[in-house]
Amino acid sequence: MGKQEFIDGLKSALNENVSPSLVMENIKYYEDYIDAQIRQGRFEAEVMESLGEPRLIARTIIDANTVGETGGYQDDGYGRTYQNQENGGHYYGSRPDPRERKSPPAVPVWMRILLVVLVIVLIIGAVFSVLSFLMPVLLPLLIILFLVKLFRDWLN
């Protein structure tokens, strides 16, 4: 296949599937590419063989320019891609792991402060309840120790 045959095949495959400006843009690109490769010393037949079939290139161009439209592909924001339901609803990409745990929602600052205050109140309450339980034993013991010290100091 020659250059002109390739260009004509690409143009006919793209017509009525993409906008006329996109057809012209791609035709110009491939003409320039082929000419540049020939100027670099490659043979026209070799360049045409490396490009492949113009229908396949046209299909790729059409698919790449119909994202989000009927027949295109959509990214769901999680790295997974789906083909639209109107074209079979095929799934492409990685499926999520059902064993994957979602992280719990963040605790608001006001709730953290409330929890800290509640813990402090509980600790103070526990200390005072223990002291109130031990006070009938500790108070006489402290008075006796004070009197013993006072008596020792008086004797010296």
N, C-alpha and C. Protein backbone atom coordinates (compact mmCIF):
# COMPACT_ATOMS: atom_id res chain seq x y z
N MET A 1 0.84 -1.17 0.00
CA MET A 1 0.00 0.00 0.00
C MET A 1 0.89 1.23 0.00
N GLY A 2 0.52 2.21 -0.80
CA GLY A 2 1.28 3.45 -0.89
C GLY A 2 0.74 4.52 0.05
N LYS A 3 1.44 5.64 0.04
CA LYS A 3 1.07 6.74 0.93
C LYS A 3 -0.34 7.25 0.62
N GLN A 4 -0.63 7.49 -0.63
CA GLN A 4 -1.93 8.05 -1.00
C GLN A 4 -3.06 7.07 -0.67
N GLU A 5 -2.82 5.80 -0.91
CA GLU A 5 -3.82 4.77 -0.59
C GLU A 5 -4.09 4.74 0.93
N PHE A 6 -3.03 4.86 1.73
CA PHE A 6 -3.16 4.89 3.17
C PHE A 6 -3.97 6.10 3.62
N ILE A 7 -3.62 7.28 3.08
CA ILE A 7 -4.30 8.53 3.44
C ILE A 7 -5.78 8.46 3.05
N ASP A 8 -6.08 7.95 1.85
CA ASP A 8 -7.47 7.83 1.41
C ASP A 8 -8.26 6.87 2.31
N GLY A 9 -7.65 5.75 2.68
CA GLY A 9 -8.31 4.79 3.56
C GLY A 9 -8.58 5.37 4.94
N LEU A 10 -7.63 6.12 5.46
CA LEU A 10 -7.80 6.76 6.77
C LEU A 10 -8.91 7.81 6.70
N LYS A 11 -8.90 8.60 5.64
CA LYS A 11 -9.91 9.65 5.49
C LYS A 11 -11.30 9.05 5.39
N SER A 12 -11.47 8.00 4.60
CA SER A 12 -12.81 7.41 4.44
C SER A 12 -13.26 6.73 5.74
N ALA A 13 -12.34 6.17 6.51
CA ALA A 13 -12.73 5.53 7.78
C ALA A 13 -13.08 6.56 8.84
N LEU A 14 -12.48 7.73 8.78
CA LEU A 14 -12.75 8.76 9.78
C LEU A 14 -13.98 9.61 9.45
N ASN A 15 -14.28 9.79 8.15
CA ASN A 15 -15.41 10.62 7.76
C ASN A 15 -16.69 10.14 8.42
N GLU A 16 -17.50 11.11 8.87
CA GLU A 16 -18.80 10.89 9.51
C GLU A 16 -18.70 10.20 10.87
N ASN A 17 -17.49 9.94 11.36
CA ASN A 17 -17.33 9.38 12.70
C ASN A 17 -16.72 10.40 13.66
N VAL A 18 -16.00 11.36 13.11
CA VAL A 18 -15.43 12.44 13.91
C VAL A 18 -15.63 13.74 13.15
N SER A 19 -15.33 14.85 13.78
CA SER A 19 -15.53 16.15 13.13
C SER A 19 -14.58 16.32 11.94
N PRO A 20 -15.00 17.11 10.94
CA PRO A 20 -14.14 17.34 9.77
C PRO A 20 -12.77 17.94 10.15
N SER A 21 -12.74 18.79 11.18
CA SER A 21 -11.45 19.37 11.57
C SER A 21 -10.53 18.30 12.14
N LEU A 22 -11.09 17.33 12.85
CA LEU A 22 -10.29 16.24 13.40
C LEU A 22 -9.80 15.32 12.28
N VAL A 23 -10.61 15.14 11.26
CA VAL A 23 -10.20 14.34 10.10
C VAL A 23 -8.99 15.01 9.45
N MET A 24 -9.10 16.31 9.19
CA MET A 24 -8.01 17.02 8.53
C MET A 24 -6.75 17.05 9.39
N GLU A 25 -6.92 17.21 10.69
CA GLU A 25 -5.78 17.24 11.61
C GLU A 25 -5.01 15.91 11.57
N ASN A 26 -5.73 14.80 11.59
CA ASN A 26 -5.08 13.50 11.56
C ASN A 26 -4.49 13.18 10.19
N ILE A 27 -5.15 13.57 9.12
CA ILE A 27 -4.61 13.36 7.78
C ILE A 27 -3.29 14.13 7.64
N LYS A 28 -3.28 15.40 8.09
CA LYS A 28 -2.06 16.20 8.02
C LYS A 28 -0.96 15.57 8.86
N TYR A 29 -1.30 15.09 10.04
CA TYR A 29 -0.30 14.47 10.91
C TYR A 29 0.35 13.28 10.22
N TYR A 30 -0.46 12.38 9.65
CA TYR A 30 0.10 11.18 9.02
C TYR A 30 0.85 11.50 7.73
N GLU A 31 0.39 12.50 6.98
CA GLU A 31 1.15 12.91 5.80
C GLU A 31 2.53 13.43 6.21
N ASP A 32 2.55 14.29 7.23
CA ASP A 32 3.82 14.84 7.72
C ASP A 32 4.72 13.74 8.27
N TYR A 33 4.14 12.79 8.99
CA TYR A 33 4.92 11.71 9.57
C TYR A 33 5.58 10.85 8.48
N ILE A 34 4.78 10.50 7.48
CA ILE A 34 5.29 9.66 6.38
C ILE A 34 6.40 10.39 5.64
N ASP A 35 6.16 11.68 5.35
CA ASP A 35 7.19 12.47 4.64
C ASP A 35 8.46 12.59 5.47
N ALA A 36 8.34 12.78 6.76
CA ALA A 36 9.52 12.91 7.64
C ALA A 36 10.30 11.60 7.68
N GLN A 37 9.61 10.48 7.72
CA GLN A 37 10.29 9.19 7.75
C GLN A 37 11.03 8.92 6.43
N ILE A 38 10.42 9.32 5.33
CA ILE A 38 11.06 9.14 4.02
C ILE A 38 12.29 10.03 3.92
N ARG A 39 12.20 11.27 4.42
CA ARG A 39 13.36 12.18 4.41
C ARG A 39 14.51 11.63 5.27
N GLN A 40 14.17 10.83 6.29
CA GLN A 40 15.21 10.25 7.15
C GLN A 40 15.86 9.02 6.51
N GLY A 41 15.38 8.63 5.34
CA GLY A 41 16.03 7.55 4.61
C GLY A 41 15.27 6.24 4.58
N ARG A 42 14.10 6.20 5.16
CA ARG A 42 13.31 4.96 5.11
C ARG A 42 12.56 4.90 3.78
N PHE A 43 12.25 3.70 3.35
CA PHE A 43 11.45 3.52 2.14
C PHE A 43 9.98 3.69 2.47
N GLU A 44 9.22 4.17 1.46
CA GLU A 44 7.79 4.40 1.67
C GLU A 44 7.08 3.11 2.08
N ALA A 45 7.40 2.02 1.46
CA ALA A 45 6.76 0.73 1.76
C ALA A 45 7.05 0.31 3.21
N GLU A 46 8.27 0.58 3.65
CA GLU A 46 8.66 0.24 5.03
C GLU A 46 7.86 1.08 6.04
N VAL A 47 7.70 2.36 5.76
CA VAL A 47 6.94 3.24 6.64
C VAL A 47 5.48 2.81 6.69
N MET A 48 4.92 2.49 5.52
CA MET A 48 3.51 2.10 5.45
C MET A 48 3.28 0.79 6.20
N GLU A 49 4.24 -0.12 6.11
CA GLU A 49 4.11 -1.40 6.81
C GLU A 49 4.17 -1.19 8.33
N SER A 50 5.02 -0.26 8.77
CA SER A 50 5.13 -0.02 10.22
C SER A 50 3.88 0.65 10.77
N LEU A 51 3.18 1.42 9.94
CA LEU A 51 1.96 2.08 10.41
C LEU A 51 0.80 1.11 10.57
N GLY A 52 0.68 0.16 9.70
CA GLY A 52 -0.41 -0.80 9.78
C GLY A 52 -1.61 -0.36 8.97
N GLU A 53 -2.75 -0.96 9.33
CA GLU A 53 -3.98 -0.72 8.58
C GLU A 53 -4.59 0.64 8.96
N PRO A 54 -5.00 1.43 7.96
CA PRO A 54 -5.61 2.73 8.26
C PRO A 54 -6.95 2.59 9.00
N ARG A 55 -7.67 1.47 8.76
CA ARG A 55 -8.95 1.26 9.48
C ARG A 55 -8.73 1.14 10.99
N LEU A 56 -7.64 0.44 11.37
CA LEU A 56 -7.36 0.26 12.80
C LEU A 56 -6.93 1.58 13.44
N ILE A 57 -6.14 2.35 12.72
CA ILE A 57 -5.74 3.67 13.22
C ILE A 57 -6.97 4.55 13.36
N ALA A 58 -7.86 4.51 12.38
CA ALA A 58 -9.09 5.31 12.43
C ALA A 58 -9.95 4.88 13.62
N ARG A 59 -10.07 3.58 13.89
CA ARG A 59 -10.86 3.09 15.02
C ARG A 59 -10.29 3.62 16.33
N THR A 60 -8.96 3.63 16.44
CA THR A 60 -8.31 4.15 17.64
C THR A 60 -8.60 5.64 17.81
N ILE A 61 -8.53 6.39 16.73
CA ILE A 61 -8.81 7.83 16.77
C ILE A 61 -10.26 8.07 17.16
N ILE A 62 -11.16 7.31 16.59
CA ILE A 62 -12.59 7.46 16.90
C ILE A 62 -12.86 7.13 18.36
N ASP A 63 -12.31 6.02 18.85
CA ASP A 63 -12.50 5.63 20.25
C ASP A 63 -11.92 6.66 21.20
N ALA A 64 -10.76 7.21 20.86
CA ALA A 64 -10.11 8.18 21.74
C ALA A 64 -10.87 9.50 21.78
N ASN A 65 -11.65 9.78 20.77
CA ASN A 65 -12.37 11.05 20.73
C ASN A 65 -13.84 10.92 21.04
N THR A 66 -14.28 9.78 21.55
CA THR A 66 -15.67 9.61 21.97
C THR A 66 -15.76 9.32 23.45
N VAL A 67 -14.74 9.69 24.25
CA VAL A 67 -14.76 9.47 25.69
C VAL A 67 -15.94 10.24 26.28
N GLY A 68 -16.74 9.55 27.08
CA GLY A 68 -17.88 10.17 27.73
C GLY A 68 -19.12 10.19 26.86
N GLU A 69 -19.00 9.90 25.58
CA GLU A 69 -20.15 9.85 24.69
C GLU A 69 -20.56 8.39 24.56
N THR A 70 -21.67 8.16 23.88
CA THR A 70 -22.12 6.79 23.66
C THR A 70 -21.04 6.02 22.94
N GLY A 71 -20.68 4.89 23.48
CA GLY A 71 -19.66 4.06 22.87
C GLY A 71 -18.28 4.32 23.41
N GLY A 72 -18.13 5.34 24.25
CA GLY A 72 -16.82 5.67 24.79
C GLY A 72 -16.60 4.99 26.13
N TYR A 73 -15.54 5.36 26.74
CA TYR A 73 -15.17 4.77 28.02
C TYR A 73 -15.21 5.85 29.08
N GLN A 74 -15.55 5.45 30.29
CA GLN A 74 -15.63 6.41 31.38
C GLN A 74 -14.83 5.91 32.56
N ASP A 75 -14.11 6.82 33.18
CA ASP A 75 -13.34 6.51 34.38
C ASP A 75 -14.23 6.83 35.57
N ASP A 76 -14.31 5.91 36.53
CA ASP A 76 -15.18 6.13 37.68
C ASP A 76 -14.48 6.88 38.81
N GLY A 77 -13.25 7.34 38.60
CA GLY A 77 -12.54 8.10 39.62
C GLY A 77 -11.71 7.23 40.56
N TYR A 78 -11.81 5.93 40.41
CA TYR A 78 -11.05 5.02 41.26
C TYR A 78 -10.09 4.18 40.43
N GLY A 79 -9.73 4.63 39.24
CA GLY A 79 -8.80 3.90 38.40
C GLY A 79 -9.44 2.76 37.63
N ARG A 80 -10.78 2.71 37.62
CA ARG A 80 -11.47 1.66 36.88
C ARG A 80 -12.18 2.31 35.70
N THR A 81 -12.26 1.61 34.58
CA THR A 81 -12.87 2.16 33.37
C THR A 81 -14.00 1.26 32.92
N TYR A 82 -15.11 1.88 32.54
CA TYR A 82 -16.28 1.13 32.09
C TYR A 82 -16.66 1.59 30.70
N GLN A 83 -17.16 0.64 29.91
CA GLN A 83 -17.75 1.02 28.64
C GLN A 83 -19.21 1.34 28.93
N ASN A 84 -19.77 2.32 28.23
CA ASN A 84 -21.15 2.73 28.48
C ASN A 84 -22.11 1.55 28.39
N GLN A 85 -23.19 1.60 29.15
CA GLN A 85 -24.19 0.54 29.19
C GLN A 85 -24.84 0.31 27.83
N GLU A 86 -24.94 1.35 27.03
CA GLU A 86 -25.58 1.21 25.72
C GLU A 86 -24.77 0.31 24.80
N ASN A 87 -23.51 0.10 25.11
CA ASN A 87 -22.67 -0.75 24.27
C ASN A 87 -22.27 -2.03 24.98
N GLY A 88 -23.11 -2.52 25.86
CA GLY A 88 -22.84 -3.80 26.49
C GLY A 88 -22.42 -3.71 27.93
N GLY A 89 -22.04 -2.54 28.41
CA GLY A 89 -21.69 -2.37 29.80
C GLY A 89 -20.51 -3.20 30.25
N HIS A 90 -19.55 -3.39 29.40
CA HIS A 90 -18.39 -4.19 29.75
C HIS A 90 -17.54 -3.49 30.78
N TYR A 91 -16.93 -4.28 31.64
CA TYR A 91 -16.06 -3.75 32.69
C TYR A 91 -14.62 -3.89 32.27
N TYR A 92 -13.85 -2.84 32.42
CA TYR A 92 -12.42 -2.87 32.12
C TYR A 92 -11.68 -2.35 33.34
N GLY A 93 -10.58 -2.95 33.68
CA GLY A 93 -9.78 -2.46 34.79
C GLY A 93 -9.87 -3.39 35.97
N SER A 94 -9.33 -2.95 37.10
CA SER A 94 -9.27 -3.81 38.28
C SER A 94 -10.52 -3.66 39.11
N ARG A 95 -11.03 -4.78 39.60
CA ARG A 95 -12.19 -4.75 40.48
C ARG A 95 -11.72 -4.51 41.90
N PRO A 96 -12.53 -3.83 42.72
CA PRO A 96 -12.12 -3.59 44.11
C PRO A 96 -12.12 -4.88 44.91
N ASP A 97 -11.22 -4.99 45.86
CA ASP A 97 -11.12 -6.15 46.72
C ASP A 97 -12.21 -6.06 47.79
N PRO A 98 -13.14 -7.04 47.86
CA PRO A 98 -14.23 -6.95 48.83
C PRO A 98 -13.72 -7.02 50.26
N ARG A 99 -12.52 -7.56 50.47
CA ARG A 99 -11.97 -7.65 51.82
C ARG A 99 -11.34 -6.34 52.27
N GLU A 100 -11.21 -5.41 51.32
CA GLU A 100 -10.60 -4.13 51.62
C GLU A 100 -11.47 -3.37 52.61
N ARG A 101 -10.86 -2.91 53.68
CA ARG A 101 -11.59 -2.16 54.69
C ARG A 101 -11.52 -0.68 54.38
N LYS A 102 -12.63 -0.02 54.56
CA LYS A 102 -12.64 1.42 54.38
C LYS A 102 -12.21 2.07 55.68
N SER A 103 -11.48 3.16 55.57
CA SER A 103 -11.05 3.85 56.77
C SER A 103 -12.25 4.54 57.41
N PRO A 104 -12.30 4.58 58.75
CA PRO A 104 -13.43 5.22 59.41
C PRO A 104 -13.40 6.72 59.16
N PRO A 105 -14.56 7.35 59.22
CA PRO A 105 -14.60 8.79 59.00
C PRO A 105 -13.83 9.51 60.11
N ALA A 106 -13.29 10.66 59.81
CA ALA A 106 -12.52 11.44 60.77
C ALA A 106 -13.43 11.95 61.88
N VAL A 107 -12.91 11.95 63.12
CA VAL A 107 -13.67 12.44 64.27
C VAL A 107 -13.53 13.96 64.32
N PRO A 108 -14.63 14.69 64.44
CA PRO A 108 -14.55 16.15 64.49
C PRO A 108 -13.77 16.62 65.72
N VAL A 109 -13.19 17.81 65.63
CA VAL A 109 -12.37 18.36 66.70
C VAL A 109 -13.18 18.56 67.97
N TRP A 110 -14.41 19.05 67.84
CA TRP A 110 -15.22 19.30 69.04
C TRP A 110 -15.48 18.01 69.80
N MET A 111 -15.61 16.89 69.06
CA MET A 111 -15.86 15.61 69.72
C MET A 111 -14.60 15.12 70.42
N ARG A 112 -13.44 15.38 69.84
CA ARG A 112 -12.19 15.01 70.49
C ARG A 112 -12.01 15.77 71.80
N ILE A 113 -12.28 17.07 71.78
CA ILE A 113 -12.17 17.90 72.99
C ILE A 113 -13.13 17.39 74.06
N LEU A 114 -14.34 17.09 73.66
CA LEU A 114 -15.34 16.57 74.60
C LEU A 114 -14.88 15.25 75.22
N LEU A 115 -14.28 14.38 74.43
CA LEU A 115 -13.78 13.10 74.95
C LEU A 115 -12.63 13.31 75.93
N VAL A 116 -11.72 14.23 75.64
CA VAL A 116 -10.60 14.52 76.55
C VAL A 116 -11.12 15.06 77.87
N VAL A 117 -12.06 16.01 77.83
CA VAL A 117 -12.63 16.57 79.06
C VAL A 117 -13.33 15.48 79.86
N LEU A 118 -14.06 14.61 79.20
CA LEU A 118 -14.76 13.52 79.88
C LEU A 118 -13.79 12.57 80.55
N VAL A 119 -12.68 12.25 79.90
CA VAL A 119 -11.68 11.36 80.49
C VAL A 119 -11.06 12.02 81.72
N ILE A 120 -10.73 13.32 81.64
CA ILE A 120 -10.15 14.03 82.79
C ILE A 120 -11.12 14.04 83.97
N VAL A 121 -12.39 14.31 83.72
CA VAL A 121 -13.39 14.31 84.79
C VAL A 121 -13.51 12.92 85.42
N LEU A 122 -13.48 11.88 84.61
CA LEU A 122 -13.56 10.52 85.15
C LEU A 122 -12.34 10.17 86.01
N ILE A 123 -11.14 10.61 85.57
CA ILE A 123 -9.93 10.33 86.35
C ILE A 123 -9.98 11.07 87.68
N ILE A 124 -10.35 12.35 87.68
CA ILE A 124 -10.45 13.12 88.93
C ILE A 124 -11.50 12.50 89.85
N GLY A 125 -12.62 12.10 89.29
CA GLY A 125 -13.67 11.45 90.09
C GLY A 125 -13.18 10.15 90.70
N ALA A 126 -12.42 9.37 89.96
CA ALA A 126 -11.89 8.11 90.49
C ALA A 126 -10.91 8.37 91.62
N VAL A 127 -10.03 9.39 91.47
CA VAL A 127 -9.06 9.71 92.52
C VAL A 127 -9.78 10.14 93.80
N PHE A 128 -10.78 11.01 93.69
CA PHE A 128 -11.51 11.47 94.87
C PHE A 128 -12.33 10.36 95.51
N SER A 129 -12.86 9.46 94.70
CA SER A 129 -13.63 8.36 95.32
C SER A 129 -12.70 7.42 96.09
N VAL A 130 -11.49 7.18 95.59
CA VAL A 130 -10.52 6.35 96.31
C VAL A 130 -10.10 7.06 97.60
N LEU A 131 -9.83 8.39 97.51
CA LEU A 131 -9.45 9.15 98.70
C LEU A 131 -10.57 9.17 99.74
N SER A 132 -11.80 9.32 99.29
CA SER A 132 -12.91 9.34 100.26
C SER A 132 -13.10 7.97 100.92
N PHE A 133 -12.74 6.91 100.21
CA PHE A 133 -12.82 5.57 100.80
C PHE A 133 -11.70 5.35 101.82
N LEU A 134 -10.50 5.86 101.51
CA LEU A 134 -9.34 5.67 102.39
C LEU A 134 -9.22 6.73 103.49
N MET A 135 -9.93 7.83 103.42
CA MET A 135 -9.80 8.93 104.38
C MET A 135 -10.08 8.50 105.83
N PRO A 136 -11.09 7.68 106.10
CA PRO A 136 -11.31 7.28 107.51
C PRO A 136 -10.10 6.54 108.10
N VAL A 137 -9.27 5.91 107.26
CA VAL A 137 -8.10 5.20 107.76
C VAL A 137 -6.89 6.13 107.74
N LEU A 138 -6.74 6.90 106.68
CA LEU A 138 -5.56 7.74 106.53
C LEU A 138 -5.53 8.93 107.49
N LEU A 139 -6.65 9.54 107.75
CA LEU A 139 -6.69 10.73 108.59
C LEU A 139 -6.19 10.45 110.01
N PRO A 140 -6.69 9.41 110.68
CA PRO A 140 -6.13 9.14 112.03
C PRO A 140 -4.65 8.78 111.97
N LEU A 141 -4.23 8.04 110.93
CA LEU A 141 -2.82 7.67 110.79
C LEU A 141 -1.94 8.90 110.62
N LEU A 142 -2.38 9.85 109.80
CA LEU A 142 -1.64 11.09 109.60
C LEU A 142 -1.58 11.92 110.88
N ILE A 143 -2.65 11.92 111.66
CA ILE A 143 -2.65 12.67 112.91
C ILE A 143 -1.67 12.05 113.90
N ILE A 144 -1.65 10.73 113.97
CA ILE A 144 -0.73 10.04 114.88
C ILE A 144 0.72 10.32 114.46
N LEU A 145 1.04 10.24 113.16
CA LEU A 145 2.38 10.52 112.68
C LEU A 145 2.79 11.96 112.98
N PHE A 146 1.87 12.88 112.84
CA PHE A 146 2.16 14.27 113.14
C PHE A 146 2.48 14.47 114.62
N LEU A 147 1.70 13.83 115.47
CA LEU A 147 1.92 13.95 116.91
C LEU A 147 3.24 13.32 117.34
N VAL A 148 3.61 12.18 116.70
CA VAL A 148 4.87 11.53 117.03
C VAL A 148 6.03 12.44 116.63
N LYS A 149 5.96 13.03 115.49
CA LYS A 149 7.02 13.92 115.03
C LYS A 149 7.11 15.14 115.95
N LEU A 150 5.96 15.67 116.29
CA LEU A 150 5.93 16.83 117.17
C LEU A 150 6.54 16.49 118.54
N PHE A 151 6.23 15.34 119.06
CA PHE A 151 6.75 14.90 120.34
C PHE A 151 8.26 14.71 120.27
N ARG A 152 8.80 14.12 119.19
CA ARG A 152 10.22 13.90 119.03
C ARG A 152 10.95 15.24 118.95
N ASP A 153 10.38 16.16 118.22
CA ASP A 153 11.02 17.48 118.11
C ASP A 153 11.03 18.19 119.46
N TRP A 154 10.01 18.00 120.26
CA TRP A 154 9.91 18.65 121.57
C TRP A 154 10.94 18.09 122.53
N LEU A 155 11.23 16.73 122.37
CA LEU A 155 12.21 16.12 123.24
C LEU A 155 13.63 16.53 122.85
N ASN A 156 13.89 16.84 121.70
CA ASN A 156 15.23 17.22 121.25
C ASN A 156 15.47 18.63 121.48
